[in-house]
Amino acid sequence: MMKLSLRVITPICVRSGENASAIADYIYDPQKRAIYLIDQVKFNRWLMEQGENARFLIKDITSLVSSQQGTLVDFFNEHGLLPRDFSRAAIPVSFPNSITFGNRNLFLPTLTGGKPYIPGSSIKGAIRTALMFDYIKNQDNGGPGYGATSHLQDSRQVYTGSDIFCLPDHRSRLLPENDALRFLQVTDTIPSSLESLRVYALERKGGTTTAIPALLLGFYPGTEMTFEVNILPGFEKANIPEYWKKFFNRGEVAILRAISNYSLALLEDELNRLKKRSNKPPENQLLYNSYTRILSNTKNSIKQGGALLRVGFGKTYYFNSIGYFMSDEEKEKYKGNWKRVKLVSEFPTTRWMIRTPDNQCLPAGWSLVQEKRI
């Protein structure tokens, strides 16, 4: 078992699927440039303490929510309430004034007991992609332009990676018990505090139209959490590919090294793409500068065995697939399987980014993972 620290490098948000509503869940204070997340238990207790007025107040709140004609700000102002008295946390807004806040919903991170964390399943998904990359590169002597074609059976089927990790049974079925990744256990991170969050605006740039930014609560750079990676016993005798038996025999440190090699290779590829299109859109140059800073600031940690890992929002095609190993000719062959791809040499044409208050552009979702020494 290996205990790891995860330090947030650029804002991370692994969505819970739930939103915070300006009508009922939070209040935005434009003077303080912060939101107050309302403690519903505390607020409901106050309502119940209002005696005969309680039912009228509840009626006001119900009318407000159902009509969607106002927000909690209106209710609090009308009744002389202070948001801080009913708040779970005051969370600063971290985007430029040029982006209007409005009364939009906020995407919430995954929470447990009211505290944010990164699920082990999300981290394991990112690790899985890194291990796919490791297999193709080492097993097939892969490099840009070759190494992946043999895994793509025909133009009707997009390669998913299942056959890398799983051996079929005698009827050619891929069964869960034959999946090598069942021997890889990744825990959730230790929950952080609500104060480790900021309100970010996630923008999609590079297309012909500019989409309205999505507002979300994400971990602030510098936040540190811990989690564990464990290779479970029994893989030696399991019906899994021999490649992974040998790989797991090297221990958890091999996983960390695979993550590092994967991230650095694709970062270099992404930097080359951004450099070629540094002003299309102009934000590409800002992204290029951010990636350069990330590599410079983490260089020593990576030399000492750490690895850059991307999770949550902000991943693009080149961080989710084996596209790195395919030539433009190979991509053209399978282009019909990818929606909205018109020119493979220019894919991706859009990128997700987070705009900082000083108008820098950050690629979302990056962290530095290192073994935690006891």
Protein backbone atom coordinates (compact mmCIF):
# COMPACT_ATOMS: atom_id res chain seq x y z
CA MET A 1 0.00 0.00 0.00
CA MET A 2 1.24 3.49 -0.83
CA LYS A 3 -0.04 6.61 0.91
CA LEU A 4 0.03 9.61 -1.42
CA SER A 5 -0.39 13.34 -1.04
CA LEU A 6 -2.32 15.25 -3.68
CA ARG A 7 -1.56 18.96 -3.97
CA VAL A 8 -3.87 21.03 -6.15
CA ILE A 9 -1.93 22.88 -8.89
CA THR A 10 -4.84 24.36 -10.85
CA PRO A 11 -8.50 24.47 -9.73
CA ILE A 12 -10.08 21.01 -9.45
CA CYS A 13 -13.76 20.15 -9.35
CA VAL A 14 -15.14 16.62 -9.51
CA ARG A 15 -18.84 17.31 -9.85
CA SER A 16 -21.39 15.66 -7.58
CA GLY A 17 -24.21 16.13 -10.09
CA GLU A 18 -25.87 18.62 -7.74
CA ASN A 19 -26.14 22.40 -8.02
CA ALA A 20 -26.40 25.23 -5.53
CA SER A 21 -29.29 27.58 -6.35
CA ALA A 22 -29.24 31.35 -5.86
CA ILE A 23 -32.92 31.07 -5.00
CA ALA A 24 -32.48 28.82 -1.99
CA ASP A 25 -28.88 27.69 -1.38
CA TYR A 26 -26.47 30.64 -1.47
CA ILE A 27 -26.24 34.43 -1.32
CA TYR A 28 -23.76 36.42 -3.37
CA ASP A 29 -22.20 39.51 -1.75
CA PRO A 30 -20.83 41.72 -4.59
CA GLN A 31 -19.00 44.04 -2.17
CA LYS A 32 -17.03 41.21 -0.58
CA ARG A 33 -16.86 39.21 -3.84
CA ALA A 34 -17.90 36.08 -1.98
CA ILE A 35 -20.84 33.73 -1.66
CA TYR A 36 -22.41 32.52 1.57
CA LEU A 37 -23.46 28.88 1.47
CA ILE A 38 -26.61 28.75 3.56
CA ASP A 39 -26.80 26.24 6.41
CA GLN A 40 -30.31 24.92 5.78
CA VAL A 41 -30.55 23.32 9.23
CA LYS A 42 -29.71 26.62 10.94
CA PHE A 43 -32.06 28.55 8.66
CA ASN A 44 -34.96 26.13 9.22
CA ARG A 45 -34.39 26.25 12.97
CA TRP A 46 -34.68 30.05 12.85
CA LEU A 47 -37.92 29.76 10.90
CA MET A 48 -39.40 27.38 13.49
CA GLU A 49 -38.42 29.80 16.28
CA GLN A 50 -40.55 32.60 14.81
CA GLY A 51 -43.73 31.34 16.46
CA GLU A 52 -46.95 32.43 14.76
CA ASN A 53 -44.99 34.18 12.01
CA ALA A 54 -43.28 30.94 10.96
CA ARG A 55 -46.02 29.80 8.60
CA PHE A 56 -46.09 33.21 6.87
CA LEU A 57 -42.32 33.19 6.46
CA ILE A 58 -42.39 29.66 5.08
CA LYS A 59 -45.10 30.75 2.66
CA ASP A 60 -42.86 33.63 1.51
CA ILE A 61 -39.94 31.24 0.93
CA THR A 62 -42.14 28.73 -0.89
CA SER A 63 -43.54 31.46 -3.13
CA LEU A 64 -40.04 32.73 -3.84
CA VAL A 65 -38.79 29.29 -4.89
CA SER A 66 -41.83 28.35 -6.96
CA SER A 67 -42.07 31.68 -8.81
CA GLN A 68 -38.31 32.05 -9.34
CA GLN A 69 -38.91 35.81 -9.33
CA GLY A 70 -36.46 36.54 -6.55
CA THR A 71 -33.62 35.10 -4.49
CA LEU A 72 -32.68 34.59 -0.86
CA VAL A 73 -31.09 38.06 -0.99
CA ASP A 74 -34.56 39.58 -1.28
CA PHE A 75 -35.90 37.54 1.63
CA PHE A 76 -32.92 38.35 3.86
CA ASN A 77 -33.12 42.07 3.03
CA GLU A 78 -36.86 42.18 3.68
CA HIS A 79 -36.51 40.56 7.12
CA GLY A 80 -33.21 42.19 8.18
CA LEU A 81 -31.21 38.96 8.24
CA LEU A 82 -27.43 38.78 7.83
CA PRO A 83 -26.13 36.01 5.52
CA ARG A 84 -23.11 35.35 7.74
CA ASP A 85 -25.42 34.35 10.61
CA PHE A 86 -26.80 31.46 8.53
CA SER A 87 -23.71 30.52 6.57
CA ARG A 88 -21.77 27.25 6.44
CA ALA A 89 -18.87 29.10 4.80
CA ALA A 90 -18.01 32.31 2.97
CA ILE A 91 -16.33 31.32 -0.29
CA PRO A 92 -14.45 33.94 -2.34
CA VAL A 93 -15.20 34.47 -6.02
CA SER A 94 -12.11 33.92 -8.16
CA PHE A 95 -12.78 35.29 -11.63
CA PRO A 96 -12.61 38.75 -13.28
CA ASN A 97 -15.26 41.42 -12.77
CA SER A 98 -15.94 41.26 -16.49
CA ILE A 99 -17.72 37.94 -15.94
CA THR A 100 -21.16 38.67 -14.55
CA PHE A 101 -22.34 36.53 -11.66
CA GLY A 102 -26.07 36.88 -12.06
CA ASN A 103 -28.30 34.41 -10.23
CA ARG A 104 -26.96 31.28 -11.83
CA ASN A 105 -26.65 27.82 -10.34
CA LEU A 106 -23.23 26.69 -9.11
CA PHE A 107 -21.90 23.22 -9.89
CA LEU A 108 -21.04 21.57 -6.57
CA PRO A 109 -18.07 19.28 -5.91
CA THR A 110 -18.52 15.83 -4.41
CA LEU A 111 -19.25 16.19 -0.69
CA THR A 112 -19.29 13.89 2.31
CA GLY A 113 -20.60 15.18 5.60
CA GLY A 114 -20.70 18.62 3.99
CA LYS A 115 -16.98 18.52 3.19
CA PRO A 116 -15.48 18.33 -0.34
CA TYR A 117 -13.24 15.50 -1.47
CA ILE A 118 -12.03 13.77 -4.65
CA PRO A 119 -13.58 10.32 -5.15
CA GLY A 120 -11.21 7.39 -5.56
CA SER A 121 -13.18 6.35 -8.65
CA SER A 122 -12.25 9.63 -10.37
CA ILE A 123 -8.58 9.22 -9.50
CA LYS A 124 -8.65 5.58 -10.60
CA GLY A 125 -10.21 6.60 -13.92
CA ALA A 126 -7.33 9.01 -14.55
CA ILE A 127 -4.82 6.31 -13.54
CA ARG A 128 -6.50 3.83 -15.91
CA THR A 129 -5.85 6.14 -18.86
CA ALA A 130 -2.21 6.51 -17.80
CA LEU A 131 -1.84 2.71 -17.61
CA MET A 132 -3.38 2.34 -21.09
CA PHE A 133 -0.78 4.80 -22.33
CA ASP A 134 1.98 2.87 -20.56
CA TYR A 135 0.88 -0.42 -22.14
CA ILE A 136 0.70 0.91 -25.69
CA LYS A 137 4.02 2.72 -25.40
CA ASN A 138 5.95 -0.19 -23.89
CA GLN A 139 4.19 -3.21 -25.34
CA ASP A 140 3.95 -1.95 -28.92
CA ASN A 141 7.04 0.29 -28.92
CA GLY A 142 4.51 2.98 -29.61
CA GLY A 143 5.17 6.50 -30.71
CA PRO A 144 3.20 9.22 -32.43
CA GLY A 145 1.91 7.74 -35.68
CA TYR A 146 1.84 4.06 -34.78
CA GLY A 147 1.19 1.64 -31.97
CA ALA A 148 -2.57 1.90 -31.60
CA THR A 149 -3.96 0.81 -34.94
CA SER A 150 -3.84 -2.88 -34.12
CA HIS A 151 -6.28 -2.29 -31.24
CA LEU A 152 -8.86 -0.68 -33.49
CA GLN A 153 -10.77 -3.55 -35.03
CA ASP A 154 -12.70 -1.69 -37.68
CA SER A 155 -14.18 1.70 -38.48
CA ARG A 156 -17.45 0.86 -36.72
CA GLN A 157 -15.91 0.35 -33.29
CA VAL A 158 -14.02 2.93 -31.25
CA TYR A 159 -11.30 1.41 -29.11
CA THR A 160 -12.07 1.60 -25.36
CA GLY A 161 -9.11 -0.15 -23.77
CA SER A 162 -11.04 -3.09 -22.29
CA ASP A 163 -8.94 -5.67 -24.10
CA ILE A 164 -5.75 -4.21 -22.65
CA PHE A 165 -6.81 -4.97 -19.08
CA CYS A 166 -9.11 -7.96 -19.52
CA LEU A 167 -8.77 -11.49 -20.90
CA PRO A 168 -11.87 -13.01 -22.52
CA ASP A 169 -13.30 -16.34 -21.37
CA HIS A 170 -13.76 -19.36 -23.66
CA ARG A 171 -16.78 -17.64 -25.27
CA SER A 172 -14.80 -14.45 -25.99
CA ARG A 173 -16.65 -12.50 -23.31
CA LEU A 174 -14.80 -9.88 -21.25
CA LEU A 175 -15.69 -10.69 -17.64
CA PRO A 176 -15.13 -8.49 -14.53
CA GLU A 177 -13.22 -11.30 -12.77
CA ASN A 178 -10.70 -11.29 -15.63
CA ASP A 179 -10.08 -7.54 -15.35
CA ALA A 180 -6.60 -6.62 -14.08
CA LEU A 181 -7.85 -3.35 -12.62
CA ARG A 182 -9.90 -5.16 -9.98
CA PHE A 183 -6.56 -5.64 -8.22
CA LEU A 184 -5.96 -1.88 -8.14
CA GLN A 185 -7.59 -0.15 -5.16
CA VAL A 186 -7.71 3.64 -4.97
CA THR A 187 -9.30 5.33 -1.95
CA ASP A 188 -11.12 8.65 -1.76
CA THR A 189 -9.06 11.60 -0.63
CA ILE A 190 -9.39 12.72 2.97
CA PRO A 191 -12.15 15.39 2.99
CA SER A 192 -11.03 19.00 2.93
CA SER A 193 -12.80 22.06 4.37
CA LEU A 194 -15.30 24.26 2.56
CA GLU A 195 -12.76 27.07 2.98
CA SER A 196 -10.49 25.25 0.50
CA LEU A 197 -13.02 26.05 -2.26
CA ARG A 198 -13.39 29.05 -4.54
CA VAL A 199 -16.03 30.04 -7.09
CA TYR A 200 -14.55 29.63 -10.58
CA ALA A 201 -15.78 30.34 -14.08
CA LEU A 202 -15.05 27.50 -16.49
CA GLU A 203 -14.90 28.73 -20.08
CA ARG A 204 -14.77 26.86 -23.38
CA LYS A 205 -12.55 28.69 -25.84
CA GLY A 206 -11.52 28.12 -29.42
CA GLY A 207 -14.80 27.59 -31.23
CA THR A 208 -16.67 30.01 -33.48
CA THR A 209 -18.96 31.12 -30.65
CA THR A 210 -18.25 32.01 -27.05
CA ALA A 211 -20.28 30.01 -24.55
CA ILE A 212 -21.46 31.45 -21.24
CA PRO A 213 -18.99 30.32 -18.55
CA ALA A 214 -20.10 27.58 -16.17
CA LEU A 215 -19.79 28.59 -12.51
CA LEU A 216 -18.48 25.96 -10.12
CA LEU A 217 -16.97 25.41 -6.70
CA GLY A 218 -13.46 24.01 -7.03
CA PHE A 219 -10.43 23.32 -4.86
CA TYR A 220 -8.06 26.24 -4.58
CA PRO A 221 -4.42 25.74 -5.74
CA GLY A 222 -2.23 24.75 -2.81
CA THR A 223 -4.92 22.61 -1.15
CA GLU A 224 -3.45 19.28 0.00
CA MET A 225 -5.24 15.99 0.53
CA THR A 226 -4.13 12.39 0.99
CA PHE A 227 -5.32 9.10 -0.50
CA GLU A 228 -4.02 5.55 -0.88
CA VAL A 229 -3.20 3.28 -3.80
CA ASN A 230 -3.01 -0.44 -3.11
CA ILE A 231 -2.23 -3.40 -5.38
CA LEU A 232 -4.36 -6.19 -3.95
CA PRO A 233 -2.99 -9.75 -3.51
CA GLY A 234 -4.00 -12.59 -5.82
CA PHE A 235 -3.15 -11.03 -9.18
CA GLU A 236 -0.35 -13.55 -9.76
CA LYS A 237 -2.81 -16.45 -10.15
CA ALA A 238 -5.66 -14.52 -11.73
CA ASN A 239 -6.79 -14.86 -15.35
CA ILE A 240 -5.46 -11.47 -16.40
CA PRO A 241 -2.93 -10.46 -19.08
CA GLU A 242 0.67 -11.38 -18.25
CA TYR A 243 1.72 -7.78 -18.85
CA TRP A 244 -0.18 -6.64 -15.77
CA LYS A 245 1.08 -9.47 -13.60
CA LYS A 246 4.62 -8.30 -14.31
CA PHE A 247 3.61 -4.66 -13.88
CA PHE A 248 1.92 -5.19 -10.50
CA ASN A 249 4.93 -7.18 -9.29
CA ARG A 250 6.91 -3.93 -9.45
CA GLY A 251 4.67 -2.43 -6.78
CA GLU A 252 2.74 0.83 -6.45
CA VAL A 253 5.78 2.91 -7.39
CA ALA A 254 5.39 1.64 -10.98
CA ILE A 255 1.93 3.22 -11.08
CA LEU A 256 3.31 6.58 -10.01
CA ARG A 257 6.00 6.39 -12.69
CA ALA A 258 3.44 5.46 -15.36
CA ILE A 259 1.32 8.48 -14.40
CA SER A 260 4.34 10.77 -14.62
CA ASN A 261 5.45 9.50 -18.04
CA TYR A 262 1.92 9.79 -19.39
CA SER A 263 1.32 13.34 -18.17
CA LEU A 264 4.71 14.67 -19.27
CA ALA A 265 4.41 13.17 -22.76
CA LEU A 266 0.95 14.59 -23.33
CA LEU A 267 1.86 17.96 -21.83
CA GLU A 268 4.73 18.24 -24.29
CA ASP A 269 2.34 17.33 -27.11
CA GLU A 270 -0.22 19.88 -25.90
CA LEU A 271 2.45 22.59 -25.65
CA ASN A 272 3.47 21.94 -29.25
CA ARG A 273 -0.14 22.27 -30.38
CA LEU A 274 -0.69 25.46 -28.44
CA LYS A 275 2.53 26.97 -29.78
CA LYS A 276 1.44 26.37 -33.37
CA ARG A 277 -1.88 28.11 -32.68
CA SER A 278 -0.75 30.67 -30.11
CA ASN A 279 -3.19 33.36 -31.28
CA LYS A 280 -6.14 31.20 -32.43
CA PRO A 281 -7.72 32.05 -30.01
CA PRO A 282 -5.39 34.43 -28.11
CA GLU A 283 -6.10 32.51 -24.89
CA ASN A 284 -3.91 29.72 -26.28
CA GLN A 285 -0.83 31.77 -25.48
CA LEU A 286 -2.04 32.24 -21.91
CA LEU A 287 -2.60 28.49 -21.61
CA TYR A 288 0.87 27.86 -23.02
CA ASN A 289 2.34 30.18 -20.37
CA SER A 290 0.39 28.38 -17.61
CA TYR A 291 1.60 24.94 -18.68
CA THR A 292 5.17 26.22 -18.82
CA ARG A 293 4.88 27.54 -15.26
CA ILE A 294 3.36 24.26 -14.06
CA LEU A 295 6.28 22.27 -15.47
CA SER A 296 8.84 24.70 -14.07
CA ASN A 297 7.31 24.78 -10.58
CA THR A 298 6.97 21.00 -10.29
CA LYS A 299 10.24 19.98 -11.98
CA ASN A 300 12.11 19.16 -8.77
CA SER A 301 9.16 17.25 -7.26
CA ILE A 302 8.84 15.15 -10.42
CA LYS A 303 12.57 14.38 -10.35
CA GLN A 304 12.09 13.10 -6.80
CA GLY A 305 9.38 10.65 -7.89
CA GLY A 306 6.26 12.81 -8.00
CA ALA A 307 3.78 12.89 -10.88
CA LEU A 308 1.37 15.35 -12.42
CA LEU A 309 -2.18 14.00 -12.51
CA ARG A 310 -5.26 15.57 -14.09
CA VAL A 311 -8.72 14.84 -12.67
CA GLY A 312 -12.18 16.35 -12.87
CA PHE A 313 -13.08 19.22 -15.17
CA GLY A 314 -10.86 20.37 -17.98
CA LYS A 315 -9.73 17.19 -19.72
CA THR A 316 -9.58 17.20 -23.50
CA TYR A 317 -9.36 14.52 -26.16
CA TYR A 318 -5.60 14.22 -25.78
CA PHE A 319 -5.91 13.54 -22.07
CA ASN A 320 -8.65 10.94 -22.43
CA SER A 321 -7.60 8.61 -25.21
CA ILE A 322 -4.88 6.91 -27.19
CA GLY A 323 -5.00 9.68 -29.80
CA TYR A 324 -1.37 10.50 -29.04
CA PHE A 325 -0.29 7.30 -30.79
CA MET A 326 -2.30 7.81 -33.96
CA SER A 327 -1.20 9.62 -37.09
CA ASP A 328 -3.52 12.04 -38.84
CA GLU A 329 -4.09 9.37 -41.49
CA GLU A 330 -5.22 6.88 -38.84
CA LYS A 331 -7.44 9.46 -37.17
CA GLU A 332 -9.01 10.29 -40.52
CA LYS A 333 -9.98 6.65 -40.91
CA TYR A 334 -11.95 6.68 -37.66
CA LYS A 335 -13.08 10.31 -37.72
CA GLY A 336 -16.68 9.26 -38.34
CA ASN A 337 -16.85 7.87 -34.80
CA TRP A 338 -16.02 11.24 -33.21
CA LYS A 339 -18.72 13.88 -33.06
CA ARG A 340 -18.05 17.38 -34.39
CA VAL A 341 -14.52 16.55 -35.58
CA LYS A 342 -14.03 18.20 -38.97
CA LEU A 343 -10.25 18.40 -39.19
CA VAL A 344 -8.20 15.82 -37.26
CA SER A 345 -4.93 17.76 -37.47
CA GLU A 346 -6.57 20.64 -35.57
CA PHE A 347 -8.37 18.54 -32.97
CA PRO A 348 -9.14 19.65 -30.30
CA THR A 349 -10.21 23.06 -31.58
CA THR A 350 -11.73 24.06 -28.24
CA ARG A 351 -10.29 23.86 -24.75
CA TRP A 352 -11.67 24.31 -21.26
CA MET A 353 -9.95 26.95 -19.16
CA ILE A 354 -10.43 28.90 -15.96
CA ARG A 355 -9.99 32.67 -16.07
CA THR A 356 -8.25 34.13 -13.01
CA PRO A 357 -9.02 37.58 -11.53
CA ASP A 358 -5.84 38.96 -13.18
CA ASN A 359 -6.98 37.57 -16.56
CA GLN A 360 -4.63 34.60 -16.75
CA CYS A 361 -5.95 31.32 -18.16
CA LEU A 362 -5.47 28.09 -16.24
CA PRO A 363 -6.06 24.55 -17.49
CA ALA A 364 -8.42 23.00 -14.96
CA GLY A 365 -7.87 19.82 -12.97
CA TRP A 366 -4.10 19.52 -12.41
CA SER A 367 -2.53 18.15 -9.25
CA LEU A 368 0.88 16.95 -8.06
CA VAL A 369 0.86 13.47 -6.56
CA GLN A 370 3.74 12.31 -4.35
CA GLU A 371 4.41 9.48 -1.96
CA LYS A 372 3.69 10.66 1.56
CA ARG A 373 6.61 9.83 3.81
CA ILE A 374 5.65 8.78 7.33
